[in-house]
Amino acid sequence: MMWLVVAVVLCGCIIGVIVFAGGRLMGIIGAVQANAVQLAVHFIGPIVAIGWTLSKFYALRHSKGN
């Protein structure tokens, strides 16, 4: 009968960890979704700046060859 108590306690612990982790994951998803516009601006801005800089270097390198 003791094994049944141990099994119930272990199952309860496992379910508690799953619920805690799921709640954390939902919180992270909610925070990212709430700040999606700011995150997009912060990621898109540097990508556009790098692309612009590379295009200038590319144009400069090919104009010197002519």
N, C-alpha and C. Protein backbone atom coordinates (compact mmCIF):
# COMPACT_ATOMS: atom_id res chain seq x y z
N MET A 1 0.81 -1.19 0.00
CA MET A 1 0.00 0.00 0.00
C MET A 1 0.86 1.27 0.00
N MET A 2 2.08 1.14 0.53
CA MET A 2 2.96 2.30 0.57
C MET A 2 3.36 2.74 -0.83
N TRP A 3 3.48 1.81 -1.75
CA TRP A 3 3.86 2.17 -3.12
C TRP A 3 2.80 3.03 -3.77
N LEU A 4 1.52 2.83 -3.40
CA LEU A 4 0.44 3.64 -3.94
C LEU A 4 0.55 5.09 -3.48
N VAL A 5 0.89 5.29 -2.23
CA VAL A 5 1.08 6.64 -1.70
C VAL A 5 2.25 7.32 -2.40
N VAL A 6 3.34 6.59 -2.57
CA VAL A 6 4.51 7.14 -3.25
C VAL A 6 4.16 7.50 -4.70
N ALA A 7 3.41 6.63 -5.38
CA ALA A 7 3.04 6.89 -6.77
C ALA A 7 2.15 8.13 -6.87
N VAL A 8 1.21 8.29 -5.95
CA VAL A 8 0.31 9.45 -5.97
C VAL A 8 1.10 10.73 -5.71
N VAL A 9 2.01 10.70 -4.76
CA VAL A 9 2.81 11.88 -4.45
C VAL A 9 3.71 12.25 -5.63
N LEU A 10 4.34 11.26 -6.24
CA LEU A 10 5.20 11.54 -7.40
C LEU A 10 4.40 12.08 -8.57
N CYS A 11 3.22 11.52 -8.82
CA CYS A 11 2.37 12.03 -9.91
C CYS A 11 1.95 13.47 -9.62
N GLY A 12 1.63 13.75 -8.37
CA GLY A 12 1.27 15.12 -8.00
C GLY A 12 2.42 16.09 -8.21
N CYS A 13 3.63 15.65 -7.88
CA CYS A 13 4.81 16.50 -8.09
C CYS A 13 5.05 16.74 -9.57
N ILE A 14 4.92 15.71 -10.37
CA ILE A 14 5.14 15.85 -11.82
C ILE A 14 4.10 16.78 -12.42
N ILE A 15 2.84 16.63 -12.02
CA ILE A 15 1.79 17.50 -12.55
C ILE A 15 2.01 18.94 -12.10
N GLY A 16 2.47 19.12 -10.87
CA GLY A 16 2.77 20.48 -10.39
C GLY A 16 3.85 21.14 -11.21
N VAL A 17 4.90 20.40 -11.55
CA VAL A 17 5.98 20.95 -12.37
C VAL A 17 5.47 21.28 -13.76
N ILE A 18 4.64 20.42 -14.32
CA ILE A 18 4.09 20.67 -15.66
C ILE A 18 3.21 21.92 -15.66
N VAL A 19 2.37 22.08 -14.64
CA VAL A 19 1.50 23.25 -14.56
C VAL A 19 2.33 24.52 -14.38
N PHE A 20 3.35 24.46 -13.54
CA PHE A 20 4.22 25.62 -13.31
C PHE A 20 4.94 26.00 -14.60
N ALA A 21 5.50 25.00 -15.30
CA ALA A 21 6.22 25.27 -16.54
C ALA A 21 5.27 25.79 -17.61
N GLY A 22 4.09 25.24 -17.69
CA GLY A 22 3.10 25.71 -18.67
C GLY A 22 2.68 27.14 -18.40
N GLY A 23 2.51 27.48 -17.13
CA GLY A 23 2.16 28.85 -16.77
C GLY A 23 3.27 29.82 -17.13
N ARG A 24 4.51 29.42 -16.89
CA ARG A 24 5.65 30.25 -17.27
C ARG A 24 5.70 30.44 -18.78
N LEU A 25 5.47 29.37 -19.52
CA LEU A 25 5.50 29.45 -20.98
C LEU A 25 4.40 30.38 -21.49
N MET A 26 3.21 30.28 -20.93
CA MET A 26 2.12 31.17 -21.34
C MET A 26 2.45 32.61 -20.99
N GLY A 27 3.12 32.83 -19.86
CA GLY A 27 3.52 34.19 -19.50
C GLY A 27 4.54 34.76 -20.46
N ILE A 28 5.48 33.94 -20.87
CA ILE A 28 6.50 34.39 -21.83
C ILE A 28 5.86 34.69 -23.18
N ILE A 29 4.96 33.81 -23.63
CA ILE A 29 4.27 34.04 -24.91
C ILE A 29 3.45 35.32 -24.83
N GLY A 30 2.77 35.55 -23.72
CA GLY A 30 1.97 36.76 -23.57
C GLY A 30 2.82 38.01 -23.57
N ALA A 31 3.98 37.96 -22.91
CA ALA A 31 4.87 39.12 -22.87
C ALA A 31 5.43 39.42 -24.25
N VAL A 32 5.80 38.39 -24.98
CA VAL A 32 6.32 38.60 -26.34
C VAL A 32 5.23 39.13 -27.25
N GLN A 33 4.03 38.61 -27.13
CA GLN A 33 2.93 39.07 -27.97
C GLN A 33 2.57 40.51 -27.65
N ALA A 34 2.60 40.90 -26.39
CA ALA A 34 2.26 42.27 -26.01
C ALA A 34 3.30 43.26 -26.52
N ASN A 35 4.53 42.83 -26.66
CA ASN A 35 5.61 43.73 -27.11
C ASN A 35 6.07 43.42 -28.52
N ALA A 36 5.20 42.83 -29.33
CA ALA A 36 5.60 42.40 -30.67
C ALA A 36 6.04 43.57 -31.54
N VAL A 37 5.35 44.69 -31.44
CA VAL A 37 5.70 45.84 -32.28
C VAL A 37 7.09 46.37 -31.91
N GLN A 38 7.35 46.51 -30.62
CA GLN A 38 8.67 46.99 -30.20
C GLN A 38 9.77 46.02 -30.58
N LEU A 39 9.50 44.73 -30.44
CA LEU A 39 10.51 43.74 -30.83
C LEU A 39 10.76 43.78 -32.33
N ALA A 40 9.71 43.94 -33.11
CA ALA A 40 9.87 44.00 -34.56
C ALA A 40 10.70 45.21 -34.96
N VAL A 41 10.43 46.36 -34.33
CA VAL A 41 11.20 47.56 -34.65
C VAL A 41 12.66 47.37 -34.27
N HIS A 42 12.90 46.77 -33.13
CA HIS A 42 14.28 46.58 -32.69
C HIS A 42 15.04 45.58 -33.55
N PHE A 43 14.34 44.62 -34.15
CA PHE A 43 15.03 43.64 -34.99
C PHE A 43 15.11 44.09 -36.44
N ILE A 44 14.07 44.77 -36.94
CA ILE A 44 14.06 45.17 -38.34
C ILE A 44 14.99 46.35 -38.59
N GLY A 45 15.06 47.28 -37.65
CA GLY A 45 15.92 48.45 -37.82
C GLY A 45 17.38 48.10 -38.10
N PRO A 46 18.02 47.31 -37.27
CA PRO A 46 19.42 46.94 -37.54
C PRO A 46 19.59 46.14 -38.83
N ILE A 47 18.61 45.30 -39.17
CA ILE A 47 18.72 44.52 -40.41
C ILE A 47 18.69 45.46 -41.62
N VAL A 48 17.80 46.45 -41.59
CA VAL A 48 17.73 47.42 -42.69
C VAL A 48 19.03 48.23 -42.75
N ALA A 49 19.55 48.64 -41.59
CA ALA A 49 20.79 49.42 -41.57
C ALA A 49 21.96 48.62 -42.11
N ILE A 50 22.05 47.35 -41.75
CA ILE A 50 23.14 46.49 -42.25
C ILE A 50 23.00 46.31 -43.76
N GLY A 51 21.77 46.08 -44.23
CA GLY A 51 21.57 45.93 -45.67
C GLY A 51 21.93 47.19 -46.44
N TRP A 52 21.57 48.34 -45.90
CA TRP A 52 21.90 49.61 -46.55
C TRP A 52 23.42 49.80 -46.60
N THR A 53 24.10 49.52 -45.48
CA THR A 53 25.56 49.67 -45.43
C THR A 53 26.24 48.72 -46.40
N LEU A 54 25.79 47.48 -46.44
CA LEU A 54 26.39 46.51 -47.37
C LEU A 54 26.16 46.92 -48.82
N SER A 55 24.99 47.48 -49.13
CA SER A 55 24.75 47.91 -50.50
C SER A 55 25.67 49.06 -50.88
N LYS A 56 25.96 49.96 -49.92
CA LYS A 56 26.89 51.07 -50.20
C LYS A 56 28.31 50.54 -50.42
N PHE A 57 28.74 49.60 -49.59
CA PHE A 57 30.07 49.01 -49.78
C PHE A 57 30.15 48.27 -51.11
N TYR A 58 29.08 47.56 -51.46
CA TYR A 58 29.06 46.82 -52.71
C TYR A 58 29.16 47.78 -53.90
N ALA A 59 28.38 48.87 -53.86
CA ALA A 59 28.42 49.85 -54.94
C ALA A 59 29.79 50.54 -55.01
N LEU A 60 30.37 50.84 -53.89
CA LEU A 60 31.68 51.49 -53.84
C LEU A 60 32.75 50.57 -54.40
N ARG A 61 32.70 49.31 -54.06
CA ARG A 61 33.70 48.34 -54.52
C ARG A 61 33.60 48.16 -56.03
N HIS A 62 32.40 48.13 -56.57
CA HIS A 62 32.25 47.91 -58.01
C HIS A 62 32.48 49.19 -58.81
N SER A 63 32.33 50.33 -58.21
CA SER A 63 32.61 51.58 -58.95
C SER A 63 34.11 51.83 -59.08
N LYS A 64 34.90 51.33 -58.14
CA LYS A 64 36.35 51.49 -58.23
C LYS A 64 36.95 50.61 -59.33
N GLY A 65 36.26 49.52 -59.67
CA GLY A 65 36.75 48.63 -60.69
C GLY A 65 36.60 49.19 -62.10
N ASN A 66 35.70 50.12 -62.30
CA ASN A 66 35.44 50.67 -63.63
C ASN A 66 36.40 51.76 -63.99
